Amino acid sequence: MATDASTDAPTDVPFSEQPEWKDVSPVPQEDGSDPLVPIIAAEEHSERVLDLTEAIVRMNPSHYTVWQYRFATLIALKKDLAAELELMDEFARDNLKSYQVWHHRLLLLEALSPDDPTSEIEFIHNSLVPDPKNYHTWAYLHWLYCHFSRLGRISEKRWESELLWCEDMIRSDGRNNSAWGWRWFLRMAGPGMEGKNGEEEIKYALKEIHHIPHNASAWNYLRGVIRMTGTARVPLLPALATYMTGSAVPTQTEETVWPSRTTPVDTLTPLPVSMALEFQADTLVEAGRLGDAAAVYGQLGASVDRMRSAYWEMRRGECVNA
């Protein structure tokens, strides 16, 4: 589409009528009475349709329309969906990033509705080995547990096993946000959880922070648990005081019931930790010490986290102008 030189706005002149395209003759598009492909227009569901759709999705695994029509054909012909699921094992391994492949798998599993989805869970776990942060795979795992838990087909032992697997994922990569999000579902937001594991999850997050002090995933998880459970921040400060070394508002290291660091911070770890200062400033706001909070926000913007200096100045201004 051409643009108006005076405004850079697109005009409504078709390319065929623009002078720079006058040497090209447009080829008329003839779709007949239906603008879509003849097979779909005729609502044909046959073996040749399955052959055709497989050939197309092998060339373009993200062709959602073809996947949808393939599923409709499988249902219409009453085909063996278990065999189709085996074919999807190959497609999923080769096309981990394709949402359409995972959605087709979801439709198949929903239709098959196995009494025990353990084998499918194990397939998902194995699929995450080469790509442990693949959003589509994690989203499919979320759907599976939600769907089959509503059907009463996720045993208590299965939930416990899933948590252990999730902990292994975090242990292998503490910065895997997807694994942290999955833990949130398993421990805080899943069926029957509703934040009841708050104290245990705060302890878990603190231990992970002690393991990797600059781990944003662990700090965000801690903040999320506190927000959901309404836990006071002030009693947590002593457990995190080490990471506030150099703060504009010194924090005393005191005895605390929360897990504290037992070894010195590695000399290669920069201090103070920006996320620790943010936690400290938010805690000072909670305690009504707005002047001290403003000082810490100011420090974040001026030196510790200058990338977000405008944001920290806004937070500082909120304290000053309160």
C-alpha atoms as a PDB file:
ATOM      1  CA  MET A   1       0.000   0.000   0.000  1.00  0.00           C
ATOM      2  CA  ALA A   2       1.339   3.446  -0.909  1.00  0.00           C
ATOM      3  CA  THR A   3       1.883   6.257   1.592  1.00  0.00           C
ATOM      4  CA  ASP A   4       1.035   9.939   1.502  1.00  0.00           C
ATOM      5  CA  ALA A   5       4.382  11.777   1.434  1.00  0.00           C
ATOM      6  CA  SER A   6       2.979  14.696   3.447  1.00  0.00           C
ATOM      7  CA  THR A   7       1.696  12.566   6.310  1.00  0.00           C
ATOM      8  CA  ASP A   8       3.434   9.166   5.866  1.00  0.00           C
ATOM      9  CA  ALA A   9      -0.042   7.690   6.289  1.00  0.00           C
ATOM     10  CA  PRO A  10      -1.104   4.737   4.082  1.00  0.00           C
ATOM     11  CA  THR A  11      -3.403   5.554   1.167  1.00  0.00           C
ATOM     12  CA  ASP A  12      -6.211   3.427  -0.299  1.00  0.00           C
ATOM     13  CA  VAL A  13      -4.755   3.205  -3.823  1.00  0.00           C
ATOM     14  CA  PRO A  14      -4.330  -0.488  -4.796  1.00  0.00           C
ATOM     15  CA  PHE A  15      -0.886  -1.562  -5.976  1.00  0.00           C
ATOM     16  CA  SER A  16      -2.396  -2.369  -9.395  1.00  0.00           C
ATOM     17  CA  GLU A  17      -3.266   1.325  -9.837  1.00  0.00           C
ATOM     18  CA  GLN A  18       0.046   2.742  -8.635  1.00  0.00           C
ATOM     19  CA  PRO A  19       2.369   3.972 -11.441  1.00  0.00           C
ATOM     20  CA  GLU A  20       5.433   2.137 -10.128  1.00  0.00           C
ATOM     21  CA  TRP A  21       3.566  -1.175 -10.697  1.00  0.00           C
ATOM     22  CA  LYS A  22       2.177  -0.375 -14.182  1.00  0.00           C
ATOM     23  CA  ASP A  23       4.452  -2.947 -15.873  1.00  0.00           C
ATOM     24  CA  VAL A  24       2.913  -5.812 -13.851  1.00  0.00           C
ATOM     25  CA  SER A  25      -0.392  -7.401 -14.883  1.00  0.00           C
ATOM     26  CA  PRO A  26      -2.422  -8.636 -11.899  1.00  0.00           C
ATOM     27  CA  VAL A  27      -3.415 -12.316 -11.964  1.00  0.00           C
ATOM     28  CA  PRO A  28      -7.102 -12.737 -11.117  1.00  0.00           C
ATOM     29  CA  GLN A  29      -7.841 -14.977  -8.140  1.00  0.00           C
ATOM     30  CA  GLU A  30     -10.578 -17.495  -8.876  1.00  0.00           C
ATOM     31  CA  ASP A  31     -11.947 -19.272  -5.822  1.00  0.00           C
ATOM     32  CA  GLY A  32     -15.307 -20.189  -7.250  1.00  0.00           C
ATOM     33  CA  SER A  33     -18.391 -19.826  -5.104  1.00  0.00           C
ATOM     34  CA  ASP A  34     -16.456 -20.460  -1.887  1.00  0.00           C
ATOM     35  CA  PRO A  35     -13.347 -18.464  -0.923  1.00  0.00           C
ATOM     36  CA  LEU A  36     -11.713 -21.432   0.824  1.00  0.00           C
ATOM     37  CA  VAL A  37     -10.241 -24.665  -0.569  1.00  0.00           C
ATOM     38  CA  PRO A  38     -12.622 -27.053  -2.386  1.00  0.00           C
ATOM     39  CA  ILE A  39     -12.114 -29.950   0.043  1.00  0.00           C
ATOM     40  CA  ILE A  40     -13.240 -27.872   3.008  1.00  0.00           C
ATOM     41  CA  ALA A  41     -16.021 -26.264   0.962  1.00  0.00           C
ATOM     42  CA  ALA A  42     -17.318 -29.744   0.131  1.00  0.00           C
ATOM     43  CA  GLU A  43     -16.854 -30.864   3.754  1.00  0.00           C
ATOM     44  CA  GLU A  44     -14.931 -33.884   2.549  1.00  0.00           C
ATOM     45  CA  HIS A  45     -13.603 -36.198   5.248  1.00  0.00           C
ATOM     46  CA  SER A  46     -11.657 -39.050   3.722  1.00  0.00           C
ATOM     47  CA  GLU A  47      -8.406 -40.983   3.807  1.00  0.00           C
ATOM     48  CA  ARG A  48      -6.983 -38.762   1.093  1.00  0.00           C
ATOM     49  CA  VAL A  49      -7.770 -35.721   3.234  1.00  0.00           C
ATOM     50  CA  LEU A  50      -5.701 -37.235   6.037  1.00  0.00           C
ATOM     51  CA  ASP A  51      -2.849 -37.878   3.580  1.00  0.00           C
ATOM     52  CA  LEU A  52      -3.115 -34.335   2.263  1.00  0.00           C
ATOM     53  CA  THR A  53      -3.270 -32.640   5.651  1.00  0.00           C
ATOM     54  CA  GLU A  54      -0.298 -34.653   6.908  1.00  0.00           C
ATOM     55  CA  ALA A  55       1.721 -33.622   3.868  1.00  0.00           C
ATOM     56  CA  ILE A  56       0.810 -29.958   4.410  1.00  0.00           C
ATOM     57  CA  VAL A  57       1.587 -29.820   8.145  1.00  0.00           C
ATOM     58  CA  ARG A  58       4.909 -31.536   7.513  1.00  0.00           C
ATOM     59  CA  MET A  59       5.743 -28.598   5.260  1.00  0.00           C
ATOM     60  CA  ASN A  60       4.134 -26.019   7.574  1.00  0.00           C
ATOM     61  CA  PRO A  61       3.573 -27.293  11.149  1.00  0.00           C
ATOM     62  CA  SER A  62       1.985 -23.968  12.148  1.00  0.00           C
ATOM     63  CA  HIS A  63      -0.928 -24.133   9.689  1.00  0.00           C
ATOM     64  CA  TYR A  64      -3.764 -23.971  12.203  1.00  0.00           C
ATOM     65  CA  THR A  65      -6.597 -24.337   9.659  1.00  0.00           C
ATOM     66  CA  VAL A  66      -5.136 -27.570   8.331  1.00  0.00           C
ATOM     67  CA  TRP A  67      -4.620 -28.978  11.823  1.00  0.00           C
ATOM     68  CA  GLN A  68      -8.215 -28.142  12.746  1.00  0.00           C
ATOM     69  CA  TYR A  69      -9.604 -29.775   9.614  1.00  0.00           C
ATOM     70  CA  ARG A  70      -7.392 -32.818  10.165  1.00  0.00           C
ATOM     71  CA  PHE A  71      -8.823 -33.256  13.652  1.00  0.00           C
ATOM     72  CA  ALA A  72     -12.379 -32.906  12.357  1.00  0.00           C
ATOM     73  CA  THR A  73     -11.612 -35.565   9.733  1.00  0.00           C
ATOM     74  CA  LEU A  74     -10.163 -37.933  12.330  1.00  0.00           C
ATOM     75  CA  ILE A  75     -13.340 -37.622  14.386  1.00  0.00           C
ATOM     76  CA  ALA A  76     -15.629 -37.975  11.349  1.00  0.00           C
ATOM     77  CA  LEU A  77     -13.857 -41.166  10.224  1.00  0.00           C
ATOM     78  CA  LYS A  78     -13.670 -42.513  13.791  1.00  0.00           C
ATOM     79  CA  LYS A  79      -9.956 -43.086  13.384  1.00  0.00           C
ATOM     80  CA  ASP A  80      -7.669 -44.503  16.047  1.00  0.00           C
ATOM     81  CA  LEU A  81      -6.708 -41.369  17.968  1.00  0.00           C
ATOM     82  CA  ALA A  82      -4.029 -43.260  19.907  1.00  0.00           C
ATOM     83  CA  ALA A  83      -2.214 -43.841  16.608  1.00  0.00           C
ATOM     84  CA  GLU A  84      -2.519 -40.139  15.828  1.00  0.00           C
ATOM     85  CA  LEU A  85      -1.063 -39.327  19.239  1.00  0.00           C
ATOM     86  CA  GLU A  86       1.954 -41.485  18.411  1.00  0.00           C
ATOM     87  CA  LEU A  87       2.389 -39.496  15.204  1.00  0.00           C
ATOM     88  CA  MET A  88       2.263 -36.336  17.320  1.00  0.00           C
ATOM     89  CA  ASP A  89       5.172 -37.662  19.393  1.00  0.00           C
ATOM     90  CA  GLU A  90       7.300 -37.195  16.291  1.00  0.00           C
ATOM     91  CA  PHE A  91       5.794 -33.812  15.450  1.00  0.00           C
ATOM     92  CA  ALA A  92       6.217 -32.470  18.995  1.00  0.00           C
ATOM     93  CA  ARG A  93       9.867 -33.476  19.173  1.00  0.00           C
ATOM     94  CA  ASP A  94      10.611 -31.855  15.810  1.00  0.00           C
ATOM     95  CA  ASN A  95       8.401 -28.781  16.309  1.00  0.00           C
ATOM     96  CA  LEU A  96       8.587 -27.892  19.989  1.00  0.00           C
ATOM     97  CA  LYS A  97       7.928 -24.213  19.266  1.00  0.00           C
ATOM     98  CA  SER A  98       4.724 -24.811  17.289  1.00  0.00           C
ATOM     99  CA  TYR A  99       1.635 -23.928  19.289  1.00  0.00           C
ATOM    100  CA  GLN A 100      -0.567 -25.628  16.694  1.00  0.00           C
ATOM    101  CA  VAL A 101       1.167 -28.989  17.205  1.00  0.00           C
ATOM    102  CA  TRP A 102       0.595 -28.824  20.962  1.00  0.00           C
ATOM    103  CA  HIS A 103      -3.012 -27.718  20.530  1.00  0.00           C
ATOM    104  CA  HIS A 104      -3.703 -30.653  18.221  1.00  0.00           C
ATOM    105  CA  ARG A 105      -2.205 -32.917  20.867  1.00  0.00           C
ATOM    106  CA  LEU A 106      -4.459 -31.312  23.473  1.00  0.00           C
ATOM    107  CA  LEU A 107      -7.555 -32.059  21.382  1.00  0.00           C
ATOM    108  CA  LEU A 108      -6.452 -35.665  20.950  1.00  0.00           C
ATOM    109  CA  LEU A 109      -5.846 -36.214  24.641  1.00  0.00           C
ATOM    110  CA  GLU A 110      -9.127 -34.559  25.538  1.00  0.00           C
ATOM    111  CA  ALA A 111     -10.920 -36.933  23.158  1.00  0.00           C
ATOM    112  CA  LEU A 112      -8.989 -40.020  24.303  1.00  0.00           C
ATOM    113  CA  SER A 113      -9.515 -39.062  27.967  1.00  0.00           C
ATOM    114  CA  PRO A 114      -7.236 -41.705  29.536  1.00  0.00           C
ATOM    115  CA  ASP A 115      -7.985 -42.837  33.078  1.00  0.00           C
ATOM    116  CA  ASP A 116      -4.338 -42.242  33.979  1.00  0.00           C
ATOM    117  CA  PRO A 117      -2.431 -39.454  32.167  1.00  0.00           C
ATOM    118  CA  THR A 118       0.963 -40.460  33.618  1.00  0.00           C
ATOM    119  CA  SER A 119       2.446 -41.509  30.273  1.00  0.00           C
ATOM    120  CA  GLU A 120       1.514 -38.138  28.773  1.00  0.00           C
ATOM    121  CA  ILE A 121       3.046 -36.299  31.734  1.00  0.00           C
ATOM    122  CA  GLU A 122       6.267 -38.248  31.237  1.00  0.00           C
ATOM    123  CA  PHE A 123       6.238 -37.323  27.548  1.00  0.00           C
ATOM    124  CA  ILE A 124       5.944 -33.635  28.480  1.00  0.00           C
ATOM    125  CA  HIS A 125       8.795 -33.933  30.975  1.00  0.00           C
ATOM    126  CA  ASN A 126      11.008 -35.524  28.342  1.00  0.00           C
ATOM    127  CA  SER A 127      10.042 -32.850  25.807  1.00  0.00           C
ATOM    128  CA  LEU A 128      11.291 -30.167  28.190  1.00  0.00           C
ATOM    129  CA  VAL A 129      14.774 -31.681  28.401  1.00  0.00           C
ATOM    130  CA  PRO A 130      16.074 -30.103  25.159  1.00  0.00           C
ATOM    131  CA  ASP A 131      14.081 -26.880  25.670  1.00  0.00           C
ATOM    132  CA  PRO A 132      13.318 -26.399  29.390  1.00  0.00           C
ATOM    133  CA  LYS A 133      11.764 -22.932  28.927  1.00  0.00           C
ATOM    134  CA  ASN A 134       9.438 -23.687  26.010  1.00  0.00           C
ATOM    135  CA  TYR A 135       6.245 -21.768  26.738  1.00  0.00           C
ATOM    136  CA  HIS A 136       3.940 -24.002  24.669  1.00  0.00           C
ATOM    137  CA  THR A 137       5.084 -27.163  26.440  1.00  0.00           C
ATOM    138  CA  TRP A 138       4.615 -25.621  29.882  1.00  0.00           C
ATOM    139  CA  ALA A 139       1.181 -24.292  28.896  1.00  0.00           C
ATOM    140  CA  TYR A 140       0.189 -27.781  27.777  1.00  0.00           C
ATOM    141  CA  LEU A 141       1.380 -29.207  31.096  1.00  0.00           C
ATOM    142  CA  HIS A 142      -0.775 -26.656  32.946  1.00  0.00           C
ATOM    143  CA  TRP A 143      -3.804 -27.611  30.865  1.00  0.00           C
ATOM    144  CA  LEU A 144      -3.246 -31.321  31.443  1.00  0.00           C
ATOM    145  CA  TYR A 145      -3.155 -31.053  35.228  1.00  0.00           C
ATOM    146  CA  CYS A 146      -6.132 -28.674  35.338  1.00  0.00           C
ATOM    147  CA  HIS A 147      -8.198 -30.846  33.007  1.00  0.00           C
ATOM    148  CA  PHE A 148      -7.485 -34.221  34.579  1.00  0.00           C
ATOM    149  CA  SER A 149      -7.635 -32.956  38.147  1.00  0.00           C
ATOM    150  CA  ARG A 150     -11.193 -31.794  37.434  1.00  0.00           C
ATOM    151  CA  LEU A 151     -11.911 -35.359  36.299  1.00  0.00           C
ATOM    152  CA  GLY A 152     -10.397 -36.744  39.505  1.00  0.00           C
ATOM    153  CA  ARG A 153      -7.599 -38.544  37.668  1.00  0.00           C
ATOM    154  CA  ILE A 154      -4.546 -36.939  39.304  1.00  0.00           C
ATOM    155  CA  SER A 155      -3.602 -38.946  42.380  1.00  0.00           C
ATOM    156  CA  GLU A 156      -1.992 -37.464  45.479  1.00  0.00           C
ATOM    157  CA  LYS A 157       1.140 -39.452  44.686  1.00  0.00           C
ATOM    158  CA  ARG A 158       1.187 -37.922  41.197  1.00  0.00           C
ATOM    159  CA  TRP A 159       0.998 -34.382  42.657  1.00  0.00           C
ATOM    160  CA  GLU A 160       3.891 -35.189  45.015  1.00  0.00           C
ATOM    161  CA  SER A 161       5.941 -36.635  42.179  1.00  0.00           C
ATOM    162  CA  GLU A 162       5.298 -33.564  40.047  1.00  0.00           C
ATOM    163  CA  LEU A 163       6.539 -31.263  42.797  1.00  0.00           C
ATOM    164  CA  LEU A 164       9.767 -33.258  43.105  1.00  0.00           C
ATOM    165  CA  TRP A 165      10.259 -33.038  39.345  1.00  0.00           C
ATOM    166  CA  CYS A 166       9.622 -29.277  39.449  1.00  0.00           C
ATOM    167  CA  GLU A 167      12.208 -28.869  42.202  1.00  0.00           C
ATOM    168  CA  ASP A 168      14.720 -30.728  40.030  1.00  0.00           C
ATOM    169  CA  MET A 169      13.985 -28.309  37.188  1.00  0.00           C
ATOM    170  CA  ILE A 170      14.631 -25.315  39.441  1.00  0.00           C
ATOM    171  CA  ARG A 171      17.717 -26.969  40.879  1.00  0.00           C
ATOM    172  CA  SER A 172      19.173 -27.439  37.386  1.00  0.00           C
ATOM    173  CA  ASP A 173      18.361 -23.828  36.394  1.00  0.00           C
ATOM    174  CA  GLY A 174      17.342 -21.509  39.199  1.00  0.00           C
ATOM    175  CA  ARG A 175      16.433 -18.787  36.697  1.00  0.00           C
ATOM    176  CA  ASN A 176      13.861 -20.851  34.803  1.00  0.00           C
ATOM    177  CA  ASN A 177      10.782 -18.641  35.199  1.00  0.00           C
ATOM    178  CA  SER A 178       8.566 -21.339  33.709  1.00  0.00           C
ATOM    179  CA  ALA A 179       9.595 -23.825  36.396  1.00  0.00           C
ATOM    180  CA  TRP A 180       8.974 -21.212  39.090  1.00  0.00           C
ATOM    181  CA  GLY A 181       5.553 -20.513  37.595  1.00  0.00           C
ATOM    182  CA  TRP A 182       4.800 -24.226  37.695  1.00  0.00           C
ATOM    183  CA  ARG A 183       5.824 -24.414  41.327  1.00  0.00           C
ATOM    184  CA  TRP A 184       3.449 -21.508  42.026  1.00  0.00           C
ATOM    185  CA  PHE A 185       0.627 -23.532  40.523  1.00  0.00           C
ATOM    186  CA  LEU A 186       1.560 -26.695  42.440  1.00  0.00           C
ATOM    187  CA  ARG A 187       2.006 -25.009  45.808  1.00  0.00           C
ATOM    188  CA  MET A 188       0.000 -21.801  45.811  1.00  0.00           C
ATOM    189  CA  ALA A 189      -2.638 -21.592  43.096  1.00  0.00           C
ATOM    190  CA  GLY A 190      -3.534 -25.113  42.024  1.00  0.00           C
ATOM    191  CA  PRO A 191      -6.617 -27.106  43.011  1.00  0.00           C
ATOM    192  CA  GLY A 192      -7.066 -26.979  46.788  1.00  0.00           C
ATOM    193  CA  MET A 193      -3.951 -24.858  47.375  1.00  0.00           C
ATOM    194  CA  GLU A 194      -5.258 -21.269  47.621  1.00  0.00           C
ATOM    195  CA  GLY A 195      -2.091 -19.982  49.271  1.00  0.00           C
ATOM    196  CA  LYS A 196      -2.145 -22.412  52.192  1.00  0.00           C
ATOM    197  CA  ASN A 197       1.578 -23.264  51.827  1.00  0.00           C
ATOM    198  CA  GLY A 198       2.736 -19.677  52.297  1.00  0.00           C
ATOM    199  CA  GLU A 199       5.222 -20.163  55.138  1.00  0.00           C
ATOM    200  CA  GLU A 200       6.896 -23.153  53.484  1.00  0.00           C
ATOM    201  CA  GLU A 201       7.128 -21.320  50.171  1.00  0.00           C
ATOM    202  CA  ILE A 202       8.684 -18.237  51.772  1.00  0.00           C
ATOM    203  CA  LYS A 203      11.333 -20.480  53.279  1.00  0.00           C
ATOM    204  CA  TYR A 204      11.896 -22.159  49.924  1.00  0.00           C
ATOM    205  CA  ALA A 205      12.280 -18.815  48.131  1.00  0.00           C
ATOM    206  CA  LEU A 206      14.701 -17.539  50.783  1.00  0.00           C
ATOM    207  CA  LYS A 207      16.886 -20.624  50.403  1.00  0.00           C
ATOM    208  CA  GLU A 208      16.965 -20.148  46.645  1.00  0.00           C
ATOM    209  CA  ILE A 209      17.883 -16.474  47.080  1.00  0.00           C
ATOM    210  CA  HIS A 210      20.749 -17.509  49.329  1.00  0.00           C
ATOM    211  CA  HIS A 211      21.842 -19.904  46.584  1.00  0.00           C
ATOM    212  CA  ILE A 212      21.696 -17.267  43.795  1.00  0.00           C
ATOM    213  CA  PRO A 213      21.352 -13.765  45.313  1.00  0.00           C
ATOM    214  CA  HIS A 214      20.738 -12.032  41.963  1.00  0.00           C
ATOM    215  CA  ASN A 215      18.035 -14.489  40.915  1.00  0.00           C
ATOM    216  CA  ALA A 216      15.016 -12.391  39.882  1.00  0.00           C
ATOM    217  CA  SER A 217      12.847 -15.510  39.666  1.00  0.00           C
ATOM    218  CA  ALA A 218      13.299 -16.308  43.359  1.00  0.00           C
ATOM    219  CA  TRP A 219      12.785 -12.688  44.452  1.00  0.00           C
ATOM    220  CA  ASN A 220       9.604 -12.391  42.378  1.00  0.00           C
ATOM    221  CA  TYR A 221       8.326 -15.664  43.802  1.00  0.00           C
ATOM    222  CA  LEU A 222       8.976 -14.397  47.325  1.00  0.00           C
ATOM    223  CA  ARG A 223       7.106 -11.166  46.610  1.00  0.00           C
ATOM    224  CA  GLY A 224       4.213 -13.117  45.120  1.00  0.00           C
ATOM    225  CA  VAL A 225       3.857 -15.374  48.149  1.00  0.00           C
ATOM    226  CA  ILE A 226       3.977 -12.386  50.501  1.00  0.00           C
ATOM    227  CA  ARG A 227       1.325 -10.579  48.497  1.00  0.00           C
ATOM    228  CA  MET A 228      -1.003 -13.594  48.337  1.00  0.00           C
ATOM    229  CA  THR A 229      -0.671 -14.504  52.003  1.00  0.00           C
ATOM    230  CA  GLY A 230      -0.451 -10.983  53.446  1.00  0.00           C
ATOM    231  CA  THR A 231       2.772 -11.865  55.277  1.00  0.00           C
ATOM    232  CA  ALA A 232       4.547  -8.890  56.860  1.00  0.00           C
ATOM    233  CA  ARG A 233       7.863  -7.994  55.252  1.00  0.00           C
ATOM    234  CA  VAL A 234       9.559  -6.484  58.311  1.00  0.00           C
ATOM    235  CA  PRO A 235      10.363  -9.815  60.053  1.00  0.00           C
ATOM    236  CA  LEU A 236      12.005 -11.033  56.831  1.00  0.00           C
ATOM    237  CA  LEU A 237      14.550  -8.190  56.601  1.00  0.00           C
ATOM    238  CA  PRO A 238      17.179  -9.756  58.906  1.00  0.00           C
ATOM    239  CA  ALA A 239      17.268 -12.889  56.749  1.00  0.00           C
ATOM    240  CA  LEU A 240      18.051 -10.748  53.693  1.00  0.00           C
ATOM    241  CA  ALA A 241      20.185  -8.044  55.300  1.00  0.00           C
ATOM    242  CA  THR A 242      23.415  -9.421  53.787  1.00  0.00           C
ATOM    243  CA  TYR A 243      22.224  -8.488  50.301  1.00  0.00           C
ATOM    244  CA  MET A 244      21.487  -4.929  51.423  1.00  0.00           C
ATOM    245  CA  THR A 245      25.119  -4.254  52.295  1.00  0.00           C
ATOM    246  CA  GLY A 246      25.865  -0.690  51.190  1.00  0.00           C
ATOM    247  CA  SER A 247      22.240   0.423  51.381  1.00  0.00           C
ATOM    248  CA  ALA A 248      21.499   4.084  52.032  1.00  0.00           C
ATOM    249  CA  VAL A 249      19.542   2.835  55.053  1.00  0.00           C
ATOM    250  CA  PRO A 250      21.601   0.223  56.950  1.00  0.00           C
ATOM    251  CA  THR A 251      19.760  -2.917  58.050  1.00  0.00           C
ATOM    252  CA  GLN A 252      20.858  -4.778  61.150  1.00  0.00           C
ATOM    253  CA  THR A 253      21.530  -8.510  60.992  1.00  0.00           C
ATOM    254  CA  GLU A 254      19.506 -10.050  63.783  1.00  0.00           C
ATOM    255  CA  GLU A 255      18.315 -13.453  64.897  1.00  0.00           C
ATOM    256  CA  THR A 256      15.342 -14.564  62.856  1.00  0.00           C
ATOM    257  CA  VAL A 257      13.150 -17.613  62.472  1.00  0.00           C
ATOM    258  CA  TRP A 258      13.480 -17.375  58.701  1.00  0.00           C
ATOM    259  CA  PRO A 259      16.319 -19.141  56.820  1.00  0.00           C
ATOM    260  CA  SER A 260      19.412 -16.926  56.768  1.00  0.00           C
ATOM    261  CA  ARG A 261      22.634 -17.151  54.823  1.00  0.00           C
ATOM    262  CA  THR A 262      25.207 -19.249  56.676  1.00  0.00           C
ATOM    263  CA  THR A 263      28.240 -18.510  54.486  1.00  0.00           C
ATOM    264  CA  PRO A 264      29.831 -15.252  53.274  1.00  0.00           C
ATOM    265  CA  VAL A 265      28.634 -13.885  49.952  1.00  0.00           C
ATOM    266  CA  ASP A 266      30.992 -14.741  47.106  1.00  0.00           C
ATOM    267  CA  THR A 267      33.321 -11.861  46.270  1.00  0.00           C
ATOM    268  CA  LEU A 268      32.133 -12.039  42.649  1.00  0.00           C
ATOM    269  CA  THR A 269      28.557 -11.234  43.722  1.00  0.00           C
ATOM    270  CA  PRO A 270      27.944  -7.458  43.446  1.00  0.00           C
ATOM    271  CA  LEU A 271      26.431  -5.862  46.540  1.00  0.00           C
ATOM    272  CA  PRO A 272      23.974  -4.449  47.242  1.00  0.00           C
ATOM    273  CA  VAL A 273      21.574  -6.606  45.256  1.00  0.00           C
ATOM    274  CA  SER A 274      19.073  -4.360  43.480  1.00  0.00           C
ATOM    275  CA  MET A 275      16.142  -6.674  44.224  1.00  0.00           C
ATOM    276  CA  ALA A 276      17.117  -6.706  47.893  1.00  0.00           C
ATOM    277  CA  LEU A 277      17.077  -2.900  47.986  1.00  0.00           C
ATOM    278  CA  GLU A 278      13.664  -2.882  46.327  1.00  0.00           C
ATOM    279  CA  PHE A 279      12.439  -5.339  48.952  1.00  0.00           C
ATOM    280  CA  GLN A 280      13.920  -3.143  51.694  1.00  0.00           C
ATOM    281  CA  ALA A 281      12.324   0.023  50.311  1.00  0.00           C
ATOM    282  CA  ASP A 282       8.925  -1.657  50.003  1.00  0.00           C
ATOM    283  CA  THR A 283       9.295  -2.878  53.579  1.00  0.00           C
ATOM    284  CA  LEU A 284      10.088   0.647  54.773  1.00  0.00           C
ATOM    285  CA  VAL A 285       6.955   1.901  53.015  1.00  0.00           C
ATOM    286  CA  GLU A 286       4.976  -0.831  54.754  1.00  0.00           C
ATOM    287  CA  ALA A 287       6.429   0.332  58.086  1.00  0.00           C
ATOM    288  CA  GLY A 288       5.534   3.970  57.380  1.00  0.00           C
ATOM    289  CA  ARG A 289       9.185   5.095  57.077  1.00  0.00           C
ATOM    290  CA  LEU A 290       8.655   6.998  53.843  1.00  0.00           C
ATOM    291  CA  GLY A 291      11.768   9.171  54.159  1.00  0.00           C
ATOM    292  CA  ASP A 292      14.030   6.132  54.445  1.00  0.00           C
ATOM    293  CA  ALA A 293      12.174   4.393  51.621  1.00  0.00           C
ATOM    294  CA  ALA A 294      12.688   7.455  49.403  1.00  0.00           C
ATOM    295  CA  ALA A 295      16.428   7.312  50.124  1.00  0.00           C
ATOM    296  CA  VAL A 296      16.655   3.678  49.029  1.00  0.00           C
ATOM    297  CA  TYR A 297      14.578   4.253  45.887  1.00  0.00           C
ATOM    298  CA  GLY A 298      16.842   7.183  45.113  1.00  0.00           C
ATOM    299  CA  GLN A 299      19.920   5.002  45.525  1.00  0.00           C
ATOM    300  CA  LEU A 300      18.462   2.423  43.148  1.00  0.00           C
ATOM    301  CA  GLY A 301      17.903   5.037  40.451  1.00  0.00           C
ATOM    302  CA  ALA A 302      21.186   6.869  40.967  1.00  0.00           C
ATOM    303  CA  SER A 303      23.645   3.984  41.076  1.00  0.00           C
ATOM    304  CA  VAL A 304      22.418   0.429  41.672  1.00  0.00           C
ATOM    305  CA  ASP A 305      19.816   0.057  38.918  1.00  0.00           C
ATOM    306  CA  ARG A 306      20.203   3.030  36.603  1.00  0.00           C
ATOM    307  CA  MET A 307      18.540   1.167  33.744  1.00  0.00           C
ATOM    308  CA  ARG A 308      15.206   1.791  35.494  1.00  0.00           C
ATOM    309  CA  SER A 309      16.087   5.182  36.933  1.00  0.00           C
ATOM    310  CA  ALA A 310      12.811   6.762  35.759  1.00  0.00           C
ATOM    311  CA  TYR A 311      10.805   4.081  37.541  1.00  0.00           C
ATOM    312  CA  TRP A 312      12.772   4.450  40.771  1.00  0.00           C
ATOM    313  CA  GLU A 313      12.379   8.225  40.618  1.00  0.00           C
ATOM    314  CA  MET A 314       8.632   7.715  40.348  1.00  0.00           C
ATOM    315  CA  ARG A 315       8.689   5.446  43.407  1.00  0.00           C
ATOM    316  CA  ARG A 316      10.837   7.941  45.293  1.00  0.00           C
ATOM    317  CA  GLY A 317       8.437  10.747  44.354  1.00  0.00           C
ATOM    318  CA  GLU A 318       5.503   8.750  45.696  1.00  0.00           C
ATOM    319  CA  CYS A 319       7.218   8.673  49.089  1.00  0.00           C
ATOM    320  CA  VAL A 320       8.249  12.309  49.080  1.00  0.00           C
ATOM    321  CA  ASN A 321       4.856  13.580  47.992  1.00  0.00           C
ATOM    322  CA  ALA A 322       2.769  11.274  50.175  1.00  0.00           C
END
